[in-house]
PDB file of N, CA and C in Angstrom:
ATOM      1  N   MET A   1     -46.955  42.083 -36.350  1.00  0.00           N
ATOM      2  CA  MET A   1     -45.725  41.396 -36.062  1.00  0.00           C
ATOM      3  C   MET A   1     -45.766  40.745 -34.684  1.00  0.00           C
ATOM      4  N   LEU A   2     -46.370  41.424 -33.720  1.00  0.00           N
ATOM      5  CA  LEU A   2     -46.478  40.870 -32.376  1.00  0.00           C
ATOM      6  C   LEU A   2     -47.331  39.605 -32.374  1.00  0.00           C
ATOM      7  N   ASN A   3     -48.413  39.621 -33.148  1.00  0.00           N
ATOM      8  CA  ASN A   3     -49.267  38.432 -33.232  1.00  0.00           C
ATOM      9  C   ASN A   3     -48.517  37.253 -33.845  1.00  0.00           C
ATOM     10  N   GLU A   4     -47.702  37.527 -34.856  1.00  0.00           N
ATOM     11  CA  GLU A   4     -46.921  36.460 -35.497  1.00  0.00           C
ATOM     12  C   GLU A   4     -45.896  35.892 -34.524  1.00  0.00           C
ATOM     13  N   THR A   5     -45.264  36.754 -33.757  1.00  0.00           N
ATOM     14  CA  THR A   5     -44.286  36.308 -32.766  1.00  0.00           C
ATOM     15  C   THR A   5     -44.958  35.451 -31.701  1.00  0.00           C
ATOM     16  N   LYS A   6     -46.118  35.902 -31.247  1.00  0.00           N
ATOM     17  CA  LYS A   6     -46.867  35.144 -30.236  1.00  0.00           C
ATOM     18  C   LYS A   6     -47.281  33.775 -30.786  1.00  0.00           C
ATOM     19  N   LYS A   7     -47.720  33.742 -32.036  1.00  0.00           N
ATOM     20  CA  LYS A   7     -48.127  32.485 -32.667  1.00  0.00           C
ATOM     21  C   LYS A   7     -46.944  31.531 -32.771  1.00  0.00           C
ATOM     22  N   ASN A   8     -45.793  32.040 -33.203  1.00  0.00           N
ATOM     23  CA  ASN A   8     -44.582  31.223 -33.305  1.00  0.00           C
ATOM     24  C   ASN A   8     -44.148  30.702 -31.942  1.00  0.00           C
ATOM     25  N   PHE A   9     -44.244  31.551 -30.932  1.00  0.00           N
ATOM     26  CA  PHE A   9     -43.880  31.161 -29.575  1.00  0.00           C
ATOM     27  C   PHE A   9     -44.783  30.034 -29.077  1.00  0.00           C
ATOM     28  N   GLU A  10     -46.080  30.153 -29.318  1.00  0.00           N
ATOM     29  CA  GLU A  10     -47.028  29.127 -28.883  1.00  0.00           C
ATOM     30  C   GLU A  10     -46.796  27.811 -29.632  1.00  0.00           C
ATOM     31  N   GLN A  11     -46.430  27.901 -30.899  1.00  0.00           N
ATOM     32  CA  GLN A  11     -46.140  26.688 -31.661  1.00  0.00           C
ATOM     33  C   GLN A  11     -44.891  25.994 -31.127  1.00  0.00           C
ATOM     34  N   GLU A  12     -43.894  26.767 -30.763  1.00  0.00           N
ATOM     35  CA  GLU A  12     -42.667  26.186 -30.211  1.00  0.00           C
ATOM     36  C   GLU A  12     -42.935  25.546 -28.852  1.00  0.00           C
ATOM     37  N   ILE A  13     -43.761  26.185 -28.044  1.00  0.00           N
ATOM     38  CA  ILE A  13     -44.128  25.597 -26.750  1.00  0.00           C
ATOM     39  C   ILE A  13     -44.860  24.283 -26.971  1.00  0.00           C
ATOM     40  N   GLN A  14     -45.759  24.262 -27.948  1.00  0.00           N
ATOM     41  CA  GLN A  14     -46.507  23.046 -28.281  1.00  0.00           C
ATOM     42  C   GLN A  14     -45.548  21.926 -28.687  1.00  0.00           C
ATOM     43  N   LYS A  15     -44.583  22.236 -29.542  1.00  0.00           N
ATOM     44  CA  LYS A  15     -43.603  21.236 -29.981  1.00  0.00           C
ATOM     45  C   LYS A  15     -42.787  20.720 -28.796  1.00  0.00           C
ATOM     46  N   TYR A  16     -42.344  21.639 -27.959  1.00  0.00           N
ATOM     47  CA  TYR A  16     -41.529  21.272 -26.806  1.00  0.00           C
ATOM     48  C   TYR A  16     -42.318  20.403 -25.841  1.00  0.00           C
ATOM     49  N   ALA A  17     -43.580  20.753 -25.609  1.00  0.00           N
ATOM     50  CA  ALA A  17     -44.431  19.974 -24.712  1.00  0.00           C
ATOM     51  C   ALA A  17     -44.654  18.569 -25.265  1.00  0.00           C
ATOM     52  N   LYS A  18     -44.881  18.449 -26.570  1.00  0.00           N
ATOM     53  CA  LYS A  18     -45.061  17.128 -27.185  1.00  0.00           C
ATOM     54  C   LYS A  18     -43.802  16.285 -27.025  1.00  0.00           C
ATOM     55  N   LYS A  19     -42.643  16.891 -27.264  1.00  0.00           N
ATOM     56  CA  LYS A  19     -41.387  16.154 -27.109  1.00  0.00           C
ATOM     57  C   LYS A  19     -41.199  15.697 -25.668  1.00  0.00           C
ATOM     58  N   ASN A  20     -41.534  16.560 -24.712  1.00  0.00           N
ATOM     59  CA  ASN A  20     -41.419  16.199 -23.298  1.00  0.00           C
ATOM     60  C   ASN A  20     -42.318  15.020 -22.959  1.00  0.00           C
ATOM     61  N   ILE A  21     -43.560  15.067 -23.420  1.00  0.00           N
ATOM     62  CA  ILE A  21     -44.512  13.998 -23.123  1.00  0.00           C
ATOM     63  C   ILE A  21     -44.041  12.688 -23.746  1.00  0.00           C
ATOM     64  N   ILE A  22     -43.604  12.751 -24.982  1.00  0.00           N
ATOM     65  CA  ILE A  22     -43.124  11.529 -25.653  1.00  0.00           C
ATOM     66  C   ILE A  22     -41.943  10.938 -24.887  1.00  0.00           C
ATOM     67  N   ASN A  23     -40.999  11.796 -24.461  1.00  0.00           N
ATOM     68  CA  ASN A  23     -39.844  11.317 -23.697  1.00  0.00           C
ATOM     69  C   ASN A  23     -40.263  10.710 -22.360  1.00  0.00           C
ATOM     70  N   LYS A  24     -41.187  11.368 -21.670  1.00  0.00           N
ATOM     71  CA  LYS A  24     -41.653  10.850 -20.383  1.00  0.00           C
ATOM     72  C   LYS A  24     -42.357   9.505 -20.554  1.00  0.00           C
ATOM     73  N   LEU A  25     -43.170   9.389 -21.591  1.00  0.00           N
ATOM     74  CA  LEU A  25     -43.872   8.129 -21.830  1.00  0.00           C
ATOM     75  C   LEU A  25     -42.889   7.019 -22.202  1.00  0.00           C
ATOM     76  N   GLU A  26     -41.897   7.346 -23.017  1.00  0.00           N
ATOM     77  CA  GLU A  26     -40.899   6.348 -23.408  1.00  0.00           C
ATOM     78  C   GLU A  26     -40.083   5.874 -22.206  1.00  0.00           C
ATOM     79  N   LYS A  27     -39.793   6.781 -21.273  1.00  0.00           N
ATOM     80  CA  LYS A  27     -39.049   6.400 -20.073  1.00  0.00           C
ATOM     81  C   LYS A  27     -39.832   5.406 -19.222  1.00  0.00           C
ATOM     82  N   THR A  28     -41.154   5.528 -19.254  1.00  0.00           N
ATOM     83  CA  THR A  28     -41.990   4.613 -18.477  1.00  0.00           C
ATOM     84  C   THR A  28     -42.378   3.378 -19.271  1.00  0.00           C
ATOM     85  N   GLY A  29     -41.912   3.299 -20.519  1.00  0.00           N
ATOM     86  CA  GLY A  29     -42.179   2.120 -21.330  1.00  0.00           C
ATOM     87  C   GLY A  29     -43.508   2.146 -22.060  1.00  0.00           C
ATOM     88  N   VAL A  30     -44.096   3.324 -22.204  1.00  0.00           N
ATOM     89  CA  VAL A  30     -45.384   3.459 -22.890  1.00  0.00           C
ATOM     90  C   VAL A  30     -45.147   4.040 -24.279  1.00  0.00           C
ATOM     91  N   ASP A  31     -45.722   3.402 -25.283  1.00  0.00           N
ATOM     92  CA  ASP A  31     -45.625   3.906 -26.651  1.00  0.00           C
ATOM     93  C   ASP A  31     -46.743   4.931 -26.852  1.00  0.00           C
ATOM     94  N   TYR A  32     -46.361   6.174 -27.079  1.00  0.00           N
ATOM     95  CA  TYR A  32     -47.348   7.248 -27.197  1.00  0.00           C
ATOM     96  C   TYR A  32     -48.302   7.030 -28.366  1.00  0.00           C
ATOM     97  N   ARG A  33     -47.884   6.287 -29.357  1.00  0.00           N
ATOM     98  CA  ARG A  33     -48.736   6.043 -30.525  1.00  0.00           C
ATOM     99  C   ARG A  33     -49.910   5.132 -30.199  1.00  0.00           C
ATOM    100  N   LEU A  34     -49.835   4.438 -29.073  1.00  0.00           N
ATOM    101  CA  LEU A  34     -50.931   3.567 -28.664  1.00  0.00           C
ATOM    102  C   LEU A  34     -52.029   4.332 -27.928  1.00  0.00           C
ATOM    103  N   LEU A  35     -51.725   5.563 -27.533  1.00  0.00           N
ATOM    104  CA  LEU A  35     -52.711   6.387 -26.827  1.00  0.00           C
ATOM    105  C   LEU A  35     -53.735   6.949 -27.807  1.00  0.00           C
ATOM    106  N   ASP A  36     -54.932   7.140 -27.300  1.00  0.00           N
ATOM    107  CA  ASP A  36     -55.975   7.812 -28.058  1.00  0.00           C
ATOM    108  C   ASP A  36     -55.528   9.261 -28.289  1.00  0.00           C
ATOM    109  N   GLU A  37     -55.922   9.843 -29.408  1.00  0.00           N
ATOM    110  CA  GLU A  37     -55.524  11.224 -29.745  1.00  0.00           C
ATOM    111  C   GLU A  37     -55.936  12.211 -28.652  1.00  0.00           C
ATOM    112  N   THR A  38     -57.135  12.041 -28.101  1.00  0.00           N
ATOM    113  CA  THR A  38     -57.598  12.965 -27.057  1.00  0.00           C
ATOM    114  C   THR A  38     -56.791  12.793 -25.779  1.00  0.00           C
ATOM    115  N   GLU A  39     -56.404  11.556 -25.462  1.00  0.00           N
ATOM    116  CA  GLU A  39     -55.576  11.332 -24.275  1.00  0.00           C
ATOM    117  C   GLU A  39     -54.212  11.989 -24.438  1.00  0.00           C
ATOM    118  N   PHE A  40     -53.619  11.829 -25.610  1.00  0.00           N
ATOM    119  CA  PHE A  40     -52.310  12.413 -25.866  1.00  0.00           C
ATOM    120  C   PHE A  40     -52.379  13.940 -25.809  1.00  0.00           C
ATOM    121  N   GLU A  41     -53.390  14.510 -26.442  1.00  0.00           N
ATOM    122  CA  GLU A  41     -53.532  15.978 -26.434  1.00  0.00           C
ATOM    123  C   GLU A  41     -53.779  16.499 -25.029  1.00  0.00           C
ATOM    124  N   SER A  42     -54.499  15.719 -24.219  1.00  0.00           N
ATOM    125  CA  SER A  42     -54.729  16.111 -22.833  1.00  0.00           C
ATOM    126  C   SER A  42     -53.407  16.147 -22.063  1.00  0.00           C
ATOM    127  N   LEU A  43     -52.561  15.160 -22.301  1.00  0.00           N
ATOM    128  CA  LEU A  43     -51.241  15.148 -21.663  1.00  0.00           C
ATOM    129  C   LEU A  43     -50.392  16.329 -22.121  1.00  0.00           C
ATOM    130  N   VAL A  44     -50.487  16.657 -23.397  1.00  0.00           N
ATOM    131  CA  VAL A  44     -49.729  17.794 -23.934  1.00  0.00           C
ATOM    132  C   VAL A  44     -50.214  19.101 -23.293  1.00  0.00           C
ATOM    133  N   LEU A  45     -51.511  19.268 -23.165  1.00  0.00           N
ATOM    134  CA  LEU A  45     -52.052  20.481 -22.535  1.00  0.00           C
ATOM    135  C   LEU A  45     -51.610  20.587 -21.079  1.00  0.00           C
ATOM    136  N   ASP A  46     -51.596  19.455 -20.380  1.00  0.00           N
ATOM    137  CA  ASP A  46     -51.110  19.464 -18.996  1.00  0.00           C
ATOM    138  C   ASP A  46     -49.638  19.855 -18.943  1.00  0.00           C
ATOM    139  N   GLU A  47     -48.854  19.347 -19.879  1.00  0.00           N
ATOM    140  CA  GLU A  47     -47.429  19.675 -19.933  1.00  0.00           C
ATOM    141  C   GLU A  47     -47.226  21.164 -20.223  1.00  0.00           C
ATOM    142  N   ILE A  48     -48.047  21.732 -21.080  1.00  0.00           N
ATOM    143  CA  ILE A  48     -47.966  23.166 -21.375  1.00  0.00           C
ATOM    144  C   ILE A  48     -48.236  23.979 -20.112  1.00  0.00           C
ATOM    145  N   GLU A  49     -49.220  23.560 -19.327  1.00  0.00           N
ATOM    146  CA  GLU A  49     -49.518  24.261 -18.077  1.00  0.00           C
ATOM    147  C   GLU A  49     -48.349  24.164 -17.104  1.00  0.00           C
ATOM    148  N   ILE A  50     -47.692  23.012 -17.063  1.00  0.00           N
ATOM    149  CA  ILE A  50     -46.515  22.846 -16.205  1.00  0.00           C
ATOM    150  C   ILE A  50     -45.398  23.774 -16.672  1.00  0.00           C
ATOM    151  N   LEU A  51     -45.179  23.840 -17.977  1.00  0.00           N
ATOM    152  CA  LEU A  51     -44.137  24.720 -18.513  1.00  0.00           C
ATOM    153  C   LEU A  51     -44.431  26.183 -18.194  1.00  0.00           C
ATOM    154  N   LYS A  52     -45.696  26.582 -18.305  1.00  0.00           N
ATOM    155  CA  LYS A  52     -46.067  27.966 -17.981  1.00  0.00           C
ATOM    156  C   LYS A  52     -45.817  28.265 -16.510  1.00  0.00           C
ATOM    157  N   ALA A  53     -46.186  27.324 -15.643  1.00  0.00           N
ATOM    158  CA  ALA A  53     -45.982  27.524 -14.209  1.00  0.00           C
ATOM    159  C   ALA A  53     -44.493  27.618 -13.890  1.00  0.00           C
ATOM    160  N   ASP A  54     -43.696  26.749 -14.515  1.00  0.00           N
ATOM    161  CA  ASP A  54     -42.248  26.785 -14.290  1.00  0.00           C
ATOM    162  C   ASP A  54     -41.648  28.103 -14.759  1.00  0.00           C
ATOM    163  N   SER A  55     -42.102  28.605 -15.908  1.00  0.00           N
ATOM    164  CA  SER A  55     -41.541  29.862 -16.418  1.00  0.00           C
ATOM    165  C   SER A  55     -41.927  31.035 -15.523  1.00  0.00           C
ATOM    166  N   LYS A  56     -43.111  30.981 -14.908  1.00  0.00           N
ATOM    167  CA  LYS A  56     -43.501  32.039 -13.968  1.00  0.00           C
ATOM    168  C   LYS A  56     -42.605  32.010 -12.739  1.00  0.00           C
ATOM    169  N   LYS A  57     -42.274  30.801 -12.264  1.00  0.00           N
ATOM    170  CA  LYS A  57     -41.385  30.678 -11.107  1.00  0.00           C
ATOM    171  C   LYS A  57     -40.005  31.224 -11.430  1.00  0.00           C
ATOM    172  N   VAL A  58     -39.498  30.917 -12.608  1.00  0.00           N
ATOM    173  CA  VAL A  58     -38.186  31.415 -13.016  1.00  0.00           C
ATOM    174  C   VAL A  58     -38.218  32.932 -13.116  1.00  0.00           C
ATOM    175  N   GLY A  59     -39.262  33.478 -13.725  1.00  0.00           N
ATOM    176  CA  GLY A  59     -39.396  34.925 -13.850  1.00  0.00           C
ATOM    177  C   GLY A  59     -39.460  35.604 -12.496  1.00  0.00           C
ATOM    178  N   THR A  60     -40.189  35.009 -11.578  1.00  0.00           N
ATOM    179  CA  THR A  60     -40.285  35.558 -10.224  1.00  0.00           C
ATOM    180  C   THR A  60     -38.927  35.515  -9.538  1.00  0.00           C
ATOM    181  N   GLY A  61     -38.228  34.416  -9.694  1.00  0.00           N
ATOM    182  CA  GLY A  61     -36.898  34.296  -9.092  1.00  0.00           C
ATOM    183  C   GLY A  61     -35.927  35.323  -9.636  1.00  0.00           C
ATOM    184  N   ILE A  62     -35.979  35.548 -10.931  1.00  0.00           N
ATOM    185  CA  ILE A  62     -35.109  36.554 -11.547  1.00  0.00           C
ATOM    186  C   ILE A  62     -35.476  37.945 -11.028  1.00  0.00           C
ATOM    187  N   GLY A  63     -36.764  38.216 -10.945  1.00  0.00           N
ATOM    188  CA  GLY A  63     -37.209  39.520 -10.437  1.00  0.00           C
ATOM    189  C   GLY A  63     -36.765  39.754  -9.006  1.00  0.00           C
ATOM    190  N   ILE A  64     -36.889  38.737  -8.181  1.00  0.00           N
ATOM    191  CA  ILE A  64     -36.453  38.858  -6.785  1.00  0.00           C
ATOM    192  C   ILE A  64     -34.945  39.063  -6.723  1.00  0.00           C
ATOM    193  N   GLY A  65     -34.215  38.346  -7.565  1.00  0.00           N
ATOM    194  CA  GLY A  65     -32.763  38.506  -7.595  1.00  0.00           C
ATOM    195  C   GLY A  65     -32.346  39.916  -7.995  1.00  0.00           C
ATOM    196  N   ILE A  66     -33.019  40.482  -8.983  1.00  0.00           N
ATOM    197  CA  ILE A  66     -32.721  41.852  -9.421  1.00  0.00           C
ATOM    198  C   ILE A  66     -33.061  42.831  -8.305  1.00  0.00           C
ATOM    199  N   LEU A  67     -34.213  42.653  -7.683  1.00  0.00           N
ATOM    200  CA  LEU A  67     -34.619  43.541  -6.595  1.00  0.00           C
ATOM    201  C   LEU A  67     -33.624  43.461  -5.453  1.00  0.00           C
ATOM    202  N   PHE A  68     -33.201  42.263  -5.085  1.00  0.00           N
ATOM    203  CA  PHE A  68     -32.225  42.080  -4.020  1.00  0.00           C
ATOM    204  C   PHE A  68     -30.907  42.780  -4.378  1.00  0.00           C
ATOM    205  N   SER A  69     -30.494  42.659  -5.629  1.00  0.00           N
ATOM    206  CA  SER A  69     -29.255  43.304  -6.069  1.00  0.00           C
ATOM    207  C   SER A  69     -29.363  44.819  -5.990  1.00  0.00           C
ATOM    208  N   LEU A  70     -30.524  45.328  -6.377  1.00  0.00           N
ATOM    209  CA  LEU A  70     -30.713  46.777  -6.323  1.00  0.00           C
ATOM    210  C   LEU A  70     -30.720  47.282  -4.878  1.00  0.00           C
ATOM    211  N   LEU A  71     -31.356  46.530  -3.987  1.00  0.00           N
ATOM    212  CA  LEU A  71     -31.442  46.955  -2.599  1.00  0.00           C
ATOM    213  C   LEU A  71     -30.105  46.849  -1.869  1.00  0.00           C
ATOM    214  N   THR A  72     -29.335  45.833  -2.177  1.00  0.00           N
ATOM    215  CA  THR A  72     -28.060  45.658  -1.478  1.00  0.00           C
ATOM    216  C   THR A  72     -26.914  46.365  -2.165  1.00  0.00           C
ATOM    217  N   GLY A  73     -27.106  46.752  -3.420  1.00  0.00           N
ATOM    218  CA  GLY A  73     -26.070  47.456  -4.151  1.00  0.00           C
ATOM    219  C   GLY A  73     -24.946  46.569  -4.645  1.00  0.00           C
ATOM    220  N   ILE A  74     -25.195  45.279  -4.666  1.00  0.00           N
ATOM    221  CA  ILE A  74     -24.154  44.332  -5.118  1.00  0.00           C
ATOM    222  C   ILE A  74     -24.264  44.135  -6.602  1.00  0.00           C
TER     223      ILE A  74
END
């Protein structure tokens, strides 16, 4: 069950990253369908790495906030 959940999570991240890349390209006036498949996939992989880094920052911020709350008693 854990493997299935992990697989579903990775698929959702992949979908989200593709949507982000398509939106970013459209904002700059680039049609993503004109890109080579390898170029597009490379952009998607880069976007996935950005999403992972952002989620680590959010997790760290939440952890620091919880620790601060525990230490101050608020």
